[in-house]
Amino acid sequence: MREVVLTAVVAREARSVYEALADLESYPRHMSSVRKVALLDRSEAGCTSAWEVEFRNGLLRWTERDDFDRDRLWITFAQIEGDLEAFSGRWEVTPAGPGCRVRFSAAFDLGIPSLAAFLEPVAQDAIEENISKVLGGLFGAACQLNEGVPPETADGCALS
């Protein structure tokens, strides 16, 4: 399994950043590669969401379980079914001074061992780019990305 980790500093209050990240249905407005996010069920503790995302010359589709820990400010997700062999991870928001730190971590397996060496780095780049666009779209200039994405792809989330 390949892992992706991105961190950012956001000059906004941690709880409001967490709530913006938990609004999964808003993601298509912040990045063009996410075609659709549909909530199949929802409760205070989490939801089941169906995703459709552009990847290379096609679409990836999957359904995931999203668990919300509002006390810790964590969102944990895991694919239930879909095009990937495995996809899971977490958003973590931590208060830091007047703003907060955001950490996105994920592990994935495309399920094509013979092409993993070629496709997984491409998939990792796509995930990093998409997450930086989510952060930039949600928080604009208030967001400073710490690692992982070239400045030209950050869409308002500047590298430190």
C-alpha atoms as a PDB file:
ATOM      1  CA  MET A   1       0.000   0.000   0.000  1.00  0.00           C
ATOM      2  CA  ARG A   2       1.188   3.471  -0.859  1.00  0.00           C
ATOM      3  CA  GLU A   3       0.757   6.307   1.628  1.00  0.00           C
ATOM      4  CA  VAL A   4       0.056   9.989   1.091  1.00  0.00           C
ATOM      5  CA  VAL A   5       0.489  12.653   3.786  1.00  0.00           C
ATOM      6  CA  LEU A   6      -0.135  16.379   3.391  1.00  0.00           C
ATOM      7  CA  THR A   7      -0.053  18.994   6.118  1.00  0.00           C
ATOM      8  CA  ALA A   8      -1.131  22.615   6.102  1.00  0.00           C
ATOM      9  CA  VAL A   9      -1.540  25.554   8.433  1.00  0.00           C
ATOM     10  CA  VAL A  10      -4.866  27.356   8.171  1.00  0.00           C
ATOM     11  CA  ALA A  11      -5.335  30.815   9.660  1.00  0.00           C
ATOM     12  CA  ARG A  12      -8.844  30.006  10.874  1.00  0.00           C
ATOM     13  CA  GLU A  13     -10.372  28.558  14.012  1.00  0.00           C
ATOM     14  CA  ALA A  14      -9.968  24.768  14.208  1.00  0.00           C
ATOM     15  CA  ARG A  15     -13.645  23.873  14.669  1.00  0.00           C
ATOM     16  CA  SER A  16     -14.732  25.907  11.622  1.00  0.00           C
ATOM     17  CA  VAL A  17     -11.982  24.280   9.537  1.00  0.00           C
ATOM     18  CA  TYR A  18     -13.116  20.842  10.692  1.00  0.00           C
ATOM     19  CA  GLU A  19     -16.759  21.580   9.820  1.00  0.00           C
ATOM     20  CA  ALA A  20     -15.741  22.800   6.342  1.00  0.00           C
ATOM     21  CA  LEU A  21     -13.751  19.584   5.770  1.00  0.00           C
ATOM     22  CA  ALA A  22     -16.707  17.511   7.014  1.00  0.00           C
ATOM     23  CA  ASP A  23     -18.939  19.094   4.336  1.00  0.00           C
ATOM     24  CA  LEU A  24     -18.030  16.401   1.811  1.00  0.00           C
ATOM     25  CA  GLU A  25     -20.755  17.419  -0.627  1.00  0.00           C
ATOM     26  CA  SER A  26     -18.990  20.760  -1.166  1.00  0.00           C
ATOM     27  CA  TYR A  27     -15.795  19.166  -2.522  1.00  0.00           C
ATOM     28  CA  PRO A  28     -16.839  19.215  -6.211  1.00  0.00           C
ATOM     29  CA  ARG A  29     -17.131  23.022  -5.963  1.00  0.00           C
ATOM     30  CA  HIS A  30     -13.478  23.209  -4.916  1.00  0.00           C
ATOM     31  CA  MET A  31     -11.848  20.873  -7.421  1.00  0.00           C
ATOM     32  CA  SER A  32     -12.909  20.106 -10.946  1.00  0.00           C
ATOM     33  CA  SER A  33     -11.592  16.542 -10.854  1.00  0.00           C
ATOM     34  CA  VAL A  34     -14.235  15.552  -8.298  1.00  0.00           C
ATOM     35  CA  ARG A  35     -17.306  15.083 -10.426  1.00  0.00           C
ATOM     36  CA  LYS A  36     -19.678  14.019  -7.670  1.00  0.00           C
ATOM     37  CA  VAL A  37     -19.995  13.305  -3.968  1.00  0.00           C
ATOM     38  CA  ALA A  38     -23.365  11.963  -2.867  1.00  0.00           C
ATOM     39  CA  LEU A  39     -24.270  11.243   0.739  1.00  0.00           C
ATOM     40  CA  LEU A  40     -26.092   7.918   0.872  1.00  0.00           C
ATOM     41  CA  ASP A  41     -26.819   8.164   4.586  1.00  0.00           C
ATOM     42  CA  ARG A  42     -25.896  10.610   7.293  1.00  0.00           C
ATOM     43  CA  SER A  43     -25.851  10.766  11.080  1.00  0.00           C
ATOM     44  CA  GLU A  44     -24.085  12.898  13.660  1.00  0.00           C
ATOM     45  CA  ALA A  45     -21.364  10.212  13.893  1.00  0.00           C
ATOM     46  CA  GLY A  46     -20.722   9.840  10.164  1.00  0.00           C
ATOM     47  CA  CYS A  47     -22.024   9.092   6.726  1.00  0.00           C
ATOM     48  CA  THR A  48     -21.669   6.846   3.731  1.00  0.00           C
ATOM     49  CA  SER A  49     -20.564   8.776   0.643  1.00  0.00           C
ATOM     50  CA  ALA A  50     -20.331   7.829  -3.030  1.00  0.00           C
ATOM     51  CA  TRP A  51     -17.521   9.464  -5.011  1.00  0.00           C
ATOM     52  CA  GLU A  52     -16.810   9.943  -8.707  1.00  0.00           C
ATOM     53  CA  VAL A  53     -13.364  11.396  -9.468  1.00  0.00           C
ATOM     54  CA  GLU A  54     -11.450  11.925 -12.703  1.00  0.00           C
ATOM     55  CA  PHE A  55      -8.227   9.930 -12.883  1.00  0.00           C
ATOM     56  CA  ARG A  56      -5.992  10.076 -15.934  1.00  0.00           C
ATOM     57  CA  ASN A  57      -8.318   9.403 -18.886  1.00  0.00           C
ATOM     58  CA  GLY A  58     -11.141   7.843 -16.917  1.00  0.00           C
ATOM     59  CA  LEU A  59     -13.188   7.932 -13.756  1.00  0.00           C
ATOM     60  CA  LEU A  60     -12.677   6.301 -10.382  1.00  0.00           C
ATOM     61  CA  ARG A  61     -15.807   5.468  -8.436  1.00  0.00           C
ATOM     62  CA  TRP A  62     -16.059   4.269  -4.880  1.00  0.00           C
ATOM     63  CA  THR A  63     -18.250   4.298  -1.793  1.00  0.00           C
ATOM     64  CA  GLU A  64     -16.713   5.022   1.585  1.00  0.00           C
ATOM     65  CA  ARG A  65     -17.681   5.115   5.226  1.00  0.00           C
ATOM     66  CA  ASP A  66     -16.826   8.468   6.834  1.00  0.00           C
ATOM     67  CA  ASP A  67     -16.680   8.668  10.640  1.00  0.00           C
ATOM     68  CA  PHE A  68     -16.746  12.075  12.352  1.00  0.00           C
ATOM     69  CA  ASP A  69     -15.007  12.525  15.696  1.00  0.00           C
ATOM     70  CA  ARG A  70     -16.003  16.080  16.583  1.00  0.00           C
ATOM     71  CA  ASP A  71     -14.183  15.940  19.943  1.00  0.00           C
ATOM     72  CA  ARG A  72     -10.816  15.084  18.378  1.00  0.00           C
ATOM     73  CA  LEU A  73     -11.590  16.997  15.136  1.00  0.00           C
ATOM     74  CA  TRP A  74     -10.892  13.893  13.023  1.00  0.00           C
ATOM     75  CA  ILE A  75     -12.627  12.534   9.960  1.00  0.00           C
ATOM     76  CA  THR A  76     -11.740   8.920   9.243  1.00  0.00           C
ATOM     77  CA  PHE A  77     -12.691   7.305   5.944  1.00  0.00           C
ATOM     78  CA  ALA A  78     -12.464   3.825   4.425  1.00  0.00           C
ATOM     79  CA  GLN A  79     -13.605   2.545   1.066  1.00  0.00           C
ATOM     80  CA  ILE A  80     -16.451   0.037   1.296  1.00  0.00           C
ATOM     81  CA  GLU A  81     -16.554  -0.816  -2.398  1.00  0.00           C
ATOM     82  CA  GLY A  82     -15.205   0.621  -5.596  1.00  0.00           C
ATOM     83  CA  ASP A  83     -12.553   0.720  -8.258  1.00  0.00           C
ATOM     84  CA  LEU A  84      -9.572   0.669  -5.896  1.00  0.00           C
ATOM     85  CA  GLU A  85      -8.425  -2.419  -4.053  1.00  0.00           C
ATOM     86  CA  ALA A  86      -8.164  -0.340  -0.853  1.00  0.00           C
ATOM     87  CA  PHE A  87      -8.417   3.325   0.129  1.00  0.00           C
ATOM     88  CA  SER A  88      -8.555   4.651   3.688  1.00  0.00           C
ATOM     89  CA  GLY A  89      -7.287   7.565   5.710  1.00  0.00           C
ATOM     90  CA  ARG A  90      -7.977  10.481   7.997  1.00  0.00           C
ATOM     91  CA  TRP A  91      -8.238  14.252   8.206  1.00  0.00           C
ATOM     92  CA  GLU A  92      -6.945  15.653  11.516  1.00  0.00           C
ATOM     93  CA  VAL A  93      -7.407  19.262  12.612  1.00  0.00           C
ATOM     94  CA  THR A  94      -5.336  20.504  15.553  1.00  0.00           C
ATOM     95  CA  PRO A  95      -5.618  23.970  17.131  1.00  0.00           C
ATOM     96  CA  ALA A  96      -2.336  25.887  16.747  1.00  0.00           C
ATOM     97  CA  GLY A  97      -2.123  29.470  17.958  1.00  0.00           C
ATOM     98  CA  PRO A  98      -4.806  31.626  16.389  1.00  0.00           C
ATOM     99  CA  GLY A  99      -5.316  29.066  13.594  1.00  0.00           C
ATOM    100  CA  CYS A 100      -4.875  25.341  13.199  1.00  0.00           C
ATOM    101  CA  ARG A 101      -2.901  22.570  11.543  1.00  0.00           C
ATOM    102  CA  VAL A 102      -4.564  20.208   9.096  1.00  0.00           C
ATOM    103  CA  ARG A 103      -3.139  16.769   8.329  1.00  0.00           C
ATOM    104  CA  PHE A 104      -4.460  14.527   5.578  1.00  0.00           C
ATOM    105  CA  SER A 105      -3.180  10.961   5.492  1.00  0.00           C
ATOM    106  CA  ALA A 106      -4.304   8.107   3.289  1.00  0.00           C
ATOM    107  CA  ALA A 107      -3.198   4.657   2.200  1.00  0.00           C
ATOM    108  CA  PHE A 108      -4.277   3.133  -1.066  1.00  0.00           C
ATOM    109  CA  ASP A 109      -3.761   0.108  -3.280  1.00  0.00           C
ATOM    110  CA  LEU A 110      -4.881   0.218  -6.907  1.00  0.00           C
ATOM    111  CA  GLY A 111      -5.075  -3.561  -7.014  1.00  0.00           C
ATOM    112  CA  ILE A 112      -2.917  -3.955 -10.116  1.00  0.00           C
ATOM    113  CA  PRO A 113       0.400  -5.380  -8.846  1.00  0.00           C
ATOM    114  CA  SER A 114       1.972  -5.609 -12.305  1.00  0.00           C
ATOM    115  CA  LEU A 115       1.440  -1.851 -12.883  1.00  0.00           C
ATOM    116  CA  ALA A 116       1.848  -0.599  -9.303  1.00  0.00           C
ATOM    117  CA  ALA A 117       5.333   0.816  -9.876  1.00  0.00           C
ATOM    118  CA  PHE A 118       3.992   2.967 -12.718  1.00  0.00           C
ATOM    119  CA  LEU A 119       0.429   3.805 -11.668  1.00  0.00           C
ATOM    120  CA  GLU A 120       0.711   4.289  -7.905  1.00  0.00           C
ATOM    121  CA  PRO A 121       3.095   7.298  -8.118  1.00  0.00           C
ATOM    122  CA  VAL A 122       0.679   8.869 -10.632  1.00  0.00           C
ATOM    123  CA  ALA A 123      -2.248   8.180  -8.281  1.00  0.00           C
ATOM    124  CA  GLN A 124      -0.297   9.606  -5.339  1.00  0.00           C
ATOM    125  CA  ASP A 125       0.407  12.809  -7.297  1.00  0.00           C
ATOM    126  CA  ALA A 126      -3.289  13.063  -8.223  1.00  0.00           C
ATOM    127  CA  ILE A 127      -4.385  12.632  -4.600  1.00  0.00           C
ATOM    128  CA  GLU A 128      -1.880  15.241  -3.395  1.00  0.00           C
ATOM    129  CA  GLU A 129      -2.980  17.696  -6.081  1.00  0.00           C
ATOM    130  CA  ASN A 130      -6.674  17.143  -5.338  1.00  0.00           C
ATOM    131  CA  ILE A 131      -6.255  17.535  -1.585  1.00  0.00           C
ATOM    132  CA  SER A 132      -4.293  20.764  -2.065  1.00  0.00           C
ATOM    133  CA  LYS A 133      -7.132  22.023  -4.268  1.00  0.00           C
ATOM    134  CA  VAL A 134      -9.702  21.141  -1.613  1.00  0.00           C
ATOM    135  CA  LEU A 135      -7.691  23.061   0.987  1.00  0.00           C
ATOM    136  CA  GLY A 136      -7.134  25.989  -1.370  1.00  0.00           C
ATOM    137  CA  GLY A 137     -10.780  26.054  -2.411  1.00  0.00           C
ATOM    138  CA  LEU A 138     -12.066  25.870   1.144  1.00  0.00           C
ATOM    139  CA  PHE A 139      -9.611  28.235   2.813  1.00  0.00           C
ATOM    140  CA  GLY A 140      -7.880  30.288   0.057  1.00  0.00           C
ATOM    141  CA  ALA A 141      -5.095  32.539   1.241  1.00  0.00           C
ATOM    142  CA  ALA A 142      -5.713  31.463   4.861  1.00  0.00           C
ATOM    143  CA  CYS A 143      -4.112  28.111   3.975  1.00  0.00           C
ATOM    144  CA  GLN A 144      -0.396  27.424   3.781  1.00  0.00           C
ATOM    145  CA  LEU A 145       0.501  23.959   2.507  1.00  0.00           C
ATOM    146  CA  ASN A 146       3.607  22.511   4.130  1.00  0.00           C
ATOM    147  CA  GLU A 147       4.634  19.730   1.771  1.00  0.00           C
ATOM    148  CA  GLY A 148       3.854  17.484  -1.133  1.00  0.00           C
ATOM    149  CA  VAL A 149       2.452  19.642  -3.933  1.00  0.00           C
ATOM    150  CA  PRO A 150       4.151  21.939  -6.436  1.00  0.00           C
ATOM    151  CA  PRO A 151       3.088  25.603  -5.976  1.00  0.00           C
ATOM    152  CA  GLU A 152       1.371  25.800  -9.367  1.00  0.00           C
ATOM    153  CA  THR A 153      -1.169  23.144  -8.326  1.00  0.00           C
ATOM    154  CA  ALA A 154      -2.008  24.526  -4.914  1.00  0.00           C
ATOM    155  CA  ASP A 155      -4.904  26.822  -6.004  1.00  0.00           C
ATOM    156  CA  GLY A 156      -4.590  29.328  -3.169  1.00  0.00           C
ATOM    157  CA  CYS A 157      -2.825  27.075  -0.730  1.00  0.00           C
ATOM    158  CA  ALA A 158       0.751  28.367  -0.844  1.00  0.00           C
ATOM    159  CA  LEU A 159       3.781  26.271  -0.005  1.00  0.00           C
ATOM    160  CA  SER A 160       5.745  27.242   3.045  1.00  0.00           C
END
